[in-house]
Amino acid sequence: MSGTPIIQVQGLTRVFHTYKKKPGLVGALKGLFHREYEQTVAVQSISFNIEEGEFVGFLGPNGAGKTTTLKMLAGLLHPSNGTASVLGFTPWQRPIEYRRQFALLLGQKNQLWWDLPARESLELNAKIYGIPRRDFVSRIVELTEMLDVSDKLDVMVRELSLGERMKLELITALLHRPKVLFLDEPTIGLDVVSQRTVRDFLRRYNREHKTTILLTSHYMSDIEVLCRRVIIIDDGMISFDGPLTEVVDRFASSKLVTIELENKANPALEALQPFGKVLESVPGRVRLKVARSQVIPVCKALLERFPVIDLDIQDVSTEDAIRNLFIRANDPNATGDTTFHFTRAA
């Protein structure tokens, strides 16, 4: 890609000041005259560029600073320090020319009027953005057909399922054909079918309209299907920015070794534990999690000690690699086996 990046972020920082209330009546009275505040650094001097048409995953644990970053890029929050440019505009200055060219969709926030049919909310948005009637009709037809909700336009929003509502929220965000789309958990809480429909739609829309998309999601399937590049943020700072394919190579500390055994042999757990973490042990089959540096000697030892008829070595999942990254960032001595919050969806 060439030219000026669509999104440019340099040293962006956001600090929140929270009133620290003292307990009891005396504490409340003291607070009337003298207040103490705590500082929480939500985003700490992050920098990145995104080119036109890129579909970038923005990953991190809860509280890492993802949503705060999106809100700054959408102009809803002012930064404490640093600069950002989206489509050549400073987002928090909120010029009307900028507001007509981007959209922010928060998975747990509603744009549609709860007590009205979805069509009426869409009509209102068309008026706000000055969309010509002919364009409005053609876009509604295109988007509702792509998301399979053509028959839901005249249904009260409160009567829609979560999946139907999210699809119509997505249509509302895209009605004015934004050049940049910020998506914060767009598939959260959706069933498997709805998740897949939304993912397929976003991939096709990005390909056909070259919309630049920054996506946060706790569903690794969303990221793996949609994003070639990921930006990983933890504790307000960027830990990784690069191709998704490099995450496993750089941050996975182990590999998965599976052996098939003759005559349904079933070794005792005590005999297997010296080789790695036992993930599965059933008659005729054993699956181990082995440190990357020990894979070759472990495989040799397994072949020598057990009646192995087949051996398979695989990388751990991207999800496990990212989990390991966060664990090591918070505790360099950790093993990487702690539970992480990402969810594996179909």
Protein backbone atom coordinates (compact mmCIF):
# COMPACT_ATOMS: atom_id res chain seq x y z
CA MET A 1 0.00 0.00 0.00
CA SER A 2 1.13 3.56 -0.62
CA GLY A 3 0.12 7.13 0.09
CA THR A 4 -0.89 8.80 3.33
CA PRO A 5 -2.45 6.45 5.89
CA ILE A 6 -6.17 6.92 6.51
CA ILE A 7 -5.62 6.71 10.29
CA GLN A 8 -2.51 8.14 11.94
CA VAL A 9 -2.01 7.91 15.70
CA GLN A 10 1.04 9.30 17.47
CA GLY A 11 1.66 9.18 21.21
CA LEU A 12 -2.05 9.05 22.03
CA THR A 13 -2.72 9.07 25.77
CA ARG A 14 -5.87 9.23 27.87
CA VAL A 15 -5.88 9.63 31.64
CA PHE A 16 -9.09 9.52 33.67
CA HIS A 17 -9.38 11.33 37.01
CA THR A 18 -11.73 9.55 39.40
CA TYR A 19 -13.03 11.01 42.65
CA LYS A 20 -11.93 8.88 45.60
CA LYS A 21 -14.78 8.97 48.10
CA LYS A 22 -13.88 8.36 51.72
CA PRO A 23 -16.13 6.03 53.74
CA GLY A 24 -18.70 7.17 56.28
CA LEU A 25 -20.48 10.43 57.01
CA VAL A 26 -17.30 12.20 58.09
CA GLY A 27 -15.62 11.21 54.85
CA ALA A 28 -18.57 12.49 52.84
CA LEU A 29 -18.48 15.83 54.68
CA LYS A 30 -14.74 16.18 54.12
CA GLY A 31 -15.36 15.52 50.44
CA LEU A 32 -17.48 18.66 50.26
CA PHE A 33 -14.42 20.81 50.97
CA HIS A 34 -11.48 18.76 49.80
CA ARG A 35 -11.59 16.01 47.24
CA GLU A 36 -8.96 13.46 46.40
CA TYR A 37 -8.70 12.01 42.92
CA GLU A 38 -7.13 8.89 41.52
CA GLN A 39 -5.52 8.79 38.10
CA THR A 40 -6.21 5.87 35.78
CA VAL A 41 -4.13 5.67 32.60
CA ALA A 42 -6.47 4.02 30.07
CA VAL A 43 -4.25 4.55 27.02
CA GLN A 44 -0.53 5.29 27.26
CA SER A 45 1.35 6.86 24.36
CA ILE A 46 0.21 4.50 21.59
CA SER A 47 1.17 4.99 17.94
CA PHE A 48 0.08 3.24 14.73
CA ASN A 49 -0.96 3.91 11.13
CA ILE A 50 -3.72 2.21 9.13
CA GLU A 51 -3.91 2.33 5.34
CA GLU A 52 -7.02 2.73 3.22
CA GLY A 53 -9.05 -0.46 2.94
CA GLU A 54 -7.25 -2.31 5.77
CA PHE A 55 -9.27 -4.53 8.10
CA VAL A 56 -7.34 -4.45 11.38
CA GLY A 57 -8.06 -6.38 14.57
CA PHE A 58 -7.61 -4.43 17.81
CA LEU A 59 -7.11 -6.94 20.61
CA GLY A 60 -6.61 -6.85 24.34
CA PRO A 61 -8.07 -7.98 27.66
CA ASN A 62 -10.92 -6.12 29.32
CA GLY A 63 -9.73 -2.71 30.49
CA ALA A 64 -6.76 -2.68 28.09
CA GLY A 65 -7.81 0.60 26.44
CA LYS A 66 -9.46 -0.63 23.22
CA THR A 67 -12.82 1.11 23.54
CA THR A 68 -11.19 4.27 24.91
CA THR A 69 -8.99 4.40 21.80
CA LEU A 70 -11.96 3.94 19.47
CA LYS A 71 -13.88 6.69 21.27
CA MET A 72 -10.95 9.08 20.85
CA LEU A 73 -10.69 8.25 17.15
CA ALA A 74 -14.44 8.81 16.84
CA GLY A 75 -14.15 12.17 18.59
CA LEU A 76 -16.20 11.19 21.66
CA LEU A 77 -13.24 11.63 24.01
CA HIS A 78 -10.42 14.16 24.06
CA PRO A 79 -6.95 12.72 24.62
CA SER A 80 -4.78 13.82 27.51
CA ASN A 81 -1.82 13.92 25.16
CA GLY A 82 -0.76 12.94 21.66
CA THR A 83 -2.21 13.41 18.20
CA ALA A 84 -4.48 11.53 15.80
CA SER A 85 -5.65 12.10 12.26
CA VAL A 86 -8.49 10.21 10.59
CA LEU A 87 -9.21 11.03 6.94
CA GLY A 88 -7.11 14.14 7.46
CA PHE A 89 -9.25 15.41 10.37
CA THR A 90 -8.55 15.73 14.07
CA PRO A 91 -11.38 13.56 15.44
CA TRP A 92 -12.14 15.41 18.69
CA GLN A 93 -12.62 18.68 16.82
CA ARG A 94 -15.74 16.96 15.39
CA PRO A 95 -16.00 18.85 12.08
CA ILE A 96 -19.17 17.97 10.19
CA GLU A 97 -17.11 16.85 7.19
CA TYR A 98 -15.51 14.20 9.36
CA ARG A 99 -18.73 13.05 10.99
CA ARG A 100 -20.17 12.32 7.54
CA GLN A 101 -17.28 9.98 6.68
CA PHE A 102 -16.93 7.64 9.65
CA ALA A 103 -19.13 5.41 11.80
CA LEU A 104 -18.75 3.93 15.27
CA LEU A 105 -20.71 0.83 16.23
CA LEU A 106 -20.61 -0.26 19.86
CA GLY A 107 -21.91 -3.79 20.28
CA GLN A 108 -23.74 -3.02 23.53
CA LYS A 109 -25.16 0.40 22.57
CA ASN A 110 -28.32 1.02 20.55
CA GLN A 111 -28.69 3.44 17.65
CA LEU A 112 -32.17 2.26 16.71
CA TRP A 113 -35.24 3.65 18.46
CA TRP A 114 -36.51 0.89 20.73
CA ASP A 115 -40.25 1.59 20.27
CA LEU A 116 -40.21 2.23 16.51
CA PRO A 117 -39.83 -0.04 13.49
CA ALA A 118 -36.24 -0.14 12.27
CA ARG A 119 -37.25 1.48 8.99
CA GLU A 120 -38.18 4.72 10.77
CA SER A 121 -34.78 4.97 12.46
CA LEU A 122 -33.13 4.39 9.10
CA GLU A 123 -35.31 7.07 7.52
CA LEU A 124 -34.25 9.50 10.25
CA ASN A 125 -30.57 8.74 9.71
CA ALA A 126 -31.00 9.29 5.99
CA LYS A 127 -32.39 12.75 6.71
CA ILE A 128 -29.59 13.56 9.13
CA TYR A 129 -26.92 12.60 6.60
CA GLY A 130 -28.74 14.15 3.65
CA ILE A 131 -28.86 10.89 1.70
CA PRO A 132 -30.89 11.26 -1.53
CA ARG A 133 -34.04 9.12 -1.59
CA ARG A 134 -32.88 7.03 -4.53
CA ASP A 135 -29.56 6.23 -2.81
CA PHE A 136 -31.34 5.48 0.46
CA VAL A 137 -33.68 2.94 -1.17
CA SER A 138 -30.91 1.22 -3.12
CA ARG A 139 -28.65 0.97 -0.07
CA ILE A 140 -31.41 -0.43 2.11
CA VAL A 141 -32.16 -3.09 -0.50
CA GLU A 142 -28.46 -3.99 -0.85
CA LEU A 143 -27.66 -4.13 2.87
CA THR A 144 -30.82 -5.90 4.06
CA GLU A 145 -30.44 -8.55 1.38
CA MET A 146 -26.78 -9.11 2.28
CA LEU A 147 -27.71 -9.51 5.95
CA ASP A 148 -31.00 -11.34 5.32
CA VAL A 149 -33.23 -8.92 7.28
CA SER A 150 -35.40 -7.50 4.47
CA ASP A 151 -38.53 -8.75 6.25
CA LYS A 152 -37.58 -7.13 9.58
CA LEU A 153 -37.65 -3.47 8.58
CA ASP A 154 -41.22 -2.91 9.77
CA VAL A 155 -40.89 -4.85 13.01
CA MET A 156 -40.63 -2.94 16.29
CA VAL A 157 -36.98 -2.94 17.36
CA ARG A 158 -37.89 -4.24 20.83
CA GLU A 159 -39.44 -7.33 19.19
CA LEU A 160 -36.33 -8.26 17.21
CA SER A 161 -33.90 -10.94 18.31
CA LEU A 162 -30.42 -9.83 19.35
CA GLY A 163 -28.96 -11.06 16.06
CA GLU A 164 -31.59 -9.27 13.96
CA ARG A 165 -31.12 -6.08 15.94
CA MET A 166 -27.34 -6.15 15.53
CA LYS A 167 -27.65 -6.62 11.78
CA LEU A 168 -29.95 -3.60 11.56
CA GLU A 169 -27.59 -1.61 13.80
CA LEU A 170 -24.84 -2.44 11.32
CA ILE A 171 -27.00 -1.25 8.43
CA THR A 172 -27.66 2.00 10.31
CA ALA A 173 -23.92 2.54 10.73
CA LEU A 174 -23.22 1.90 7.04
CA LEU A 175 -26.17 3.77 5.55
CA HIS A 176 -24.12 6.90 4.74
CA ARG A 177 -21.28 4.81 3.25
CA PRO A 178 -18.55 5.77 5.75
CA LYS A 179 -14.96 5.55 4.59
CA VAL A 180 -13.87 4.46 8.09
CA LEU A 181 -15.74 2.08 10.39
CA PHE A 182 -14.93 1.50 14.05
CA LEU A 183 -16.47 -1.73 15.36
CA ASP A 184 -16.46 -2.55 19.07
CA GLU A 185 -17.64 -6.11 19.77
CA PRO A 186 -20.19 -6.29 16.90
CA THR A 187 -20.87 -10.01 17.43
CA ILE A 188 -21.00 -10.07 21.22
CA GLY A 189 -23.82 -12.29 22.50
CA LEU A 190 -24.89 -13.44 19.04
CA ASP A 191 -25.66 -17.05 18.21
CA VAL A 192 -23.32 -19.02 15.96
CA VAL A 193 -25.38 -18.46 12.78
CA SER A 194 -25.67 -14.70 13.34
CA GLN A 195 -21.95 -14.41 14.09
CA ARG A 196 -21.10 -16.12 10.84
CA THR A 197 -23.56 -13.98 8.86
CA VAL A 198 -22.11 -10.76 10.29
CA ARG A 199 -18.54 -11.91 9.63
CA ASP A 200 -19.29 -12.88 6.04
CA PHE A 201 -21.05 -9.56 5.50
CA LEU A 202 -18.17 -7.50 6.90
CA ARG A 203 -15.59 -9.36 4.82
CA ARG A 204 -17.62 -8.84 1.64
CA TYR A 205 -18.40 -5.19 2.43
CA ASN A 206 -14.76 -4.40 3.12
CA ARG A 207 -13.72 -6.07 -0.14
CA GLU A 208 -16.36 -4.34 -2.29
CA HIS A 209 -16.29 -0.84 -0.78
CA LYS A 210 -12.66 -0.62 0.43
CA THR A 211 -13.90 0.64 3.79
CA THR A 212 -11.14 0.95 6.39
CA ILE A 213 -12.22 -1.04 9.46
CA LEU A 214 -10.80 -1.23 12.98
CA LEU A 215 -12.39 -4.13 14.88
CA THR A 216 -12.31 -5.13 18.53
CA SER A 217 -13.65 -8.56 19.44
CA HIS A 218 -13.29 -11.21 22.13
CA TYR A 219 -14.19 -13.89 19.56
CA MET A 220 -10.96 -15.08 17.96
CA SER A 221 -12.95 -16.51 15.05
CA ASP A 222 -13.90 -12.94 14.10
CA ILE A 223 -10.26 -11.89 14.05
CA GLU A 224 -8.96 -14.97 12.24
CA VAL A 225 -11.59 -14.75 9.49
CA LEU A 226 -11.50 -10.99 8.94
CA CYS A 227 -8.11 -9.54 9.87
CA ARG A 228 -4.70 -10.07 8.34
CA ARG A 229 -3.17 -7.54 10.72
CA VAL A 230 -3.66 -7.18 14.46
CA ILE A 231 -2.75 -4.50 16.98
CA ILE A 232 -2.53 -5.93 20.49
CA ILE A 233 -2.91 -3.57 23.43
CA ASP A 234 -2.46 -4.40 27.11
CA ASP A 235 -2.51 -2.07 30.09
CA GLY A 236 -2.90 0.88 27.72
CA MET A 237 0.21 0.11 25.69
CA ILE A 238 0.72 -1.63 22.35
CA SER A 239 2.39 -5.03 22.72
CA PHE A 240 2.30 -6.10 19.07
CA ASP A 241 1.44 -4.62 15.69
CA GLY A 242 1.82 -6.85 12.67
CA PRO A 243 0.46 -9.78 10.64
CA LEU A 244 -1.82 -12.17 12.49
CA THR A 245 0.23 -15.04 11.06
CA GLU A 246 3.28 -13.91 13.08
CA VAL A 247 1.53 -14.02 16.44
CA VAL A 248 1.95 -17.76 16.95
CA ASP A 249 5.59 -17.79 15.84
CA ARG A 250 6.52 -14.90 18.12
CA PHE A 251 4.48 -15.54 21.24
CA ALA A 252 3.64 -19.24 21.46
CA SER A 253 5.86 -20.90 24.03
CA SER A 254 4.76 -24.45 23.21
CA LYS A 255 3.57 -26.86 20.54
CA LEU A 256 1.00 -29.65 20.56
CA VAL A 257 2.35 -33.18 20.14
CA THR A 258 -0.11 -36.03 19.45
CA ILE A 259 0.90 -39.68 19.32
CA GLU A 260 -1.14 -42.70 18.19
CA LEU A 261 -0.21 -45.95 19.96
CA GLU A 262 -0.31 -49.60 18.92
CA ASN A 263 -2.99 -51.90 20.31
CA LYS A 264 -4.80 -49.07 22.10
CA ALA A 265 -1.93 -48.76 24.56
CA ASN A 266 -2.79 -46.49 27.50
CA PRO A 267 0.31 -45.19 29.34
CA ALA A 268 -0.09 -44.05 32.94
CA LEU A 269 -0.23 -40.30 33.50
CA GLU A 270 2.89 -40.52 35.67
CA ALA A 271 4.81 -41.90 32.68
CA LEU A 272 3.67 -39.06 30.42
CA GLN A 273 4.07 -36.05 32.68
CA PRO A 274 7.88 -35.72 32.29
CA PHE A 275 7.35 -35.00 28.56
CA GLY A 276 4.94 -32.09 28.89
CA LYS A 277 1.46 -31.09 29.99
CA VAL A 278 -0.99 -33.92 29.29
CA LEU A 279 -4.02 -32.49 27.47
CA GLU A 280 -5.59 -35.81 26.49
CA SER A 281 -4.92 -39.43 27.33
CA VAL A 282 -7.23 -42.15 26.05
CA PRO A 283 -6.47 -45.72 24.94
CA GLY A 284 -4.39 -45.48 21.79
CA ARG A 285 -3.98 -41.70 21.80
CA VAL A 286 -2.05 -39.10 23.83
CA ARG A 287 -1.92 -35.33 23.33
CA LEU A 288 0.76 -33.23 25.02
CA LYS A 289 1.60 -29.54 25.29
CA VAL A 290 5.38 -29.35 24.92
CA ALA A 291 7.78 -26.41 25.26
CA ARG A 292 8.94 -25.35 21.77
CA SER A 293 12.59 -25.79 22.70
CA GLN A 294 11.94 -29.38 23.82
CA VAL A 295 9.81 -30.66 20.92
CA ILE A 296 12.59 -32.58 19.13
CA PRO A 297 14.06 -34.34 22.20
CA VAL A 298 10.56 -35.07 23.53
CA CYS A 299 9.49 -36.65 20.24
CA LYS A 300 12.62 -38.80 20.17
CA ALA A 301 12.00 -39.93 23.73
CA LEU A 302 8.34 -40.73 23.02
CA LEU A 303 9.30 -42.84 20.00
CA GLU A 304 11.87 -44.75 22.07
CA ARG A 305 9.66 -45.36 25.10
CA PHE A 306 6.17 -46.04 23.70
CA PRO A 307 4.79 -48.14 20.78
CA VAL A 308 4.12 -45.10 18.59
CA ILE A 309 2.58 -45.72 15.16
CA ASP A 310 1.91 -42.08 14.26
CA LEU A 311 3.12 -38.70 15.53
CA ASP A 312 1.74 -35.22 14.79
CA ILE A 313 3.15 -31.80 15.76
CA GLN A 314 1.01 -28.67 15.59
CA ASP A 315 1.26 -25.04 16.65
CA VAL A 316 -1.01 -23.89 19.45
CA SER A 317 -3.96 -21.72 18.48
CA THR A 318 -3.63 -17.99 17.90
CA GLU A 319 -5.81 -17.55 20.98
CA ASP A 320 -3.30 -19.42 23.14
CA ALA A 321 -0.40 -17.43 21.71
CA ILE A 322 -2.11 -14.13 22.53
CA ARG A 323 -2.99 -15.37 26.00
CA ASN A 324 0.66 -16.23 26.55
CA LEU A 325 1.67 -12.73 25.43
CA PHE A 326 -0.58 -11.07 28.02
CA ILE A 327 0.46 -13.41 30.78
CA ARG A 328 4.15 -12.81 30.15
CA ALA A 329 3.59 -9.05 29.94
CA ASN A 330 2.03 -9.06 33.41
CA ASP A 331 4.32 -11.70 34.91
CA PRO A 332 7.55 -12.62 33.07
CA ASN A 333 7.89 -15.74 35.26
CA ALA A 334 4.41 -17.06 34.43
CA THR A 335 4.01 -20.32 32.52
CA GLY A 336 1.29 -19.20 30.16
CA ASP A 337 -1.36 -21.64 31.34
CA THR A 338 -3.67 -19.12 33.02
CA THR A 339 -7.24 -18.81 31.75
CA PHE A 340 -7.78 -15.91 29.34
CA HIS A 341 -11.01 -14.22 28.38
CA PHE A 342 -11.06 -14.78 24.60
CA THR A 343 -13.94 -16.96 23.44
CA ARG A 344 -13.74 -19.53 20.71
CA ALA A 345 -16.79 -19.11 18.47
CA ALA A 346 -17.84 -21.17 15.46
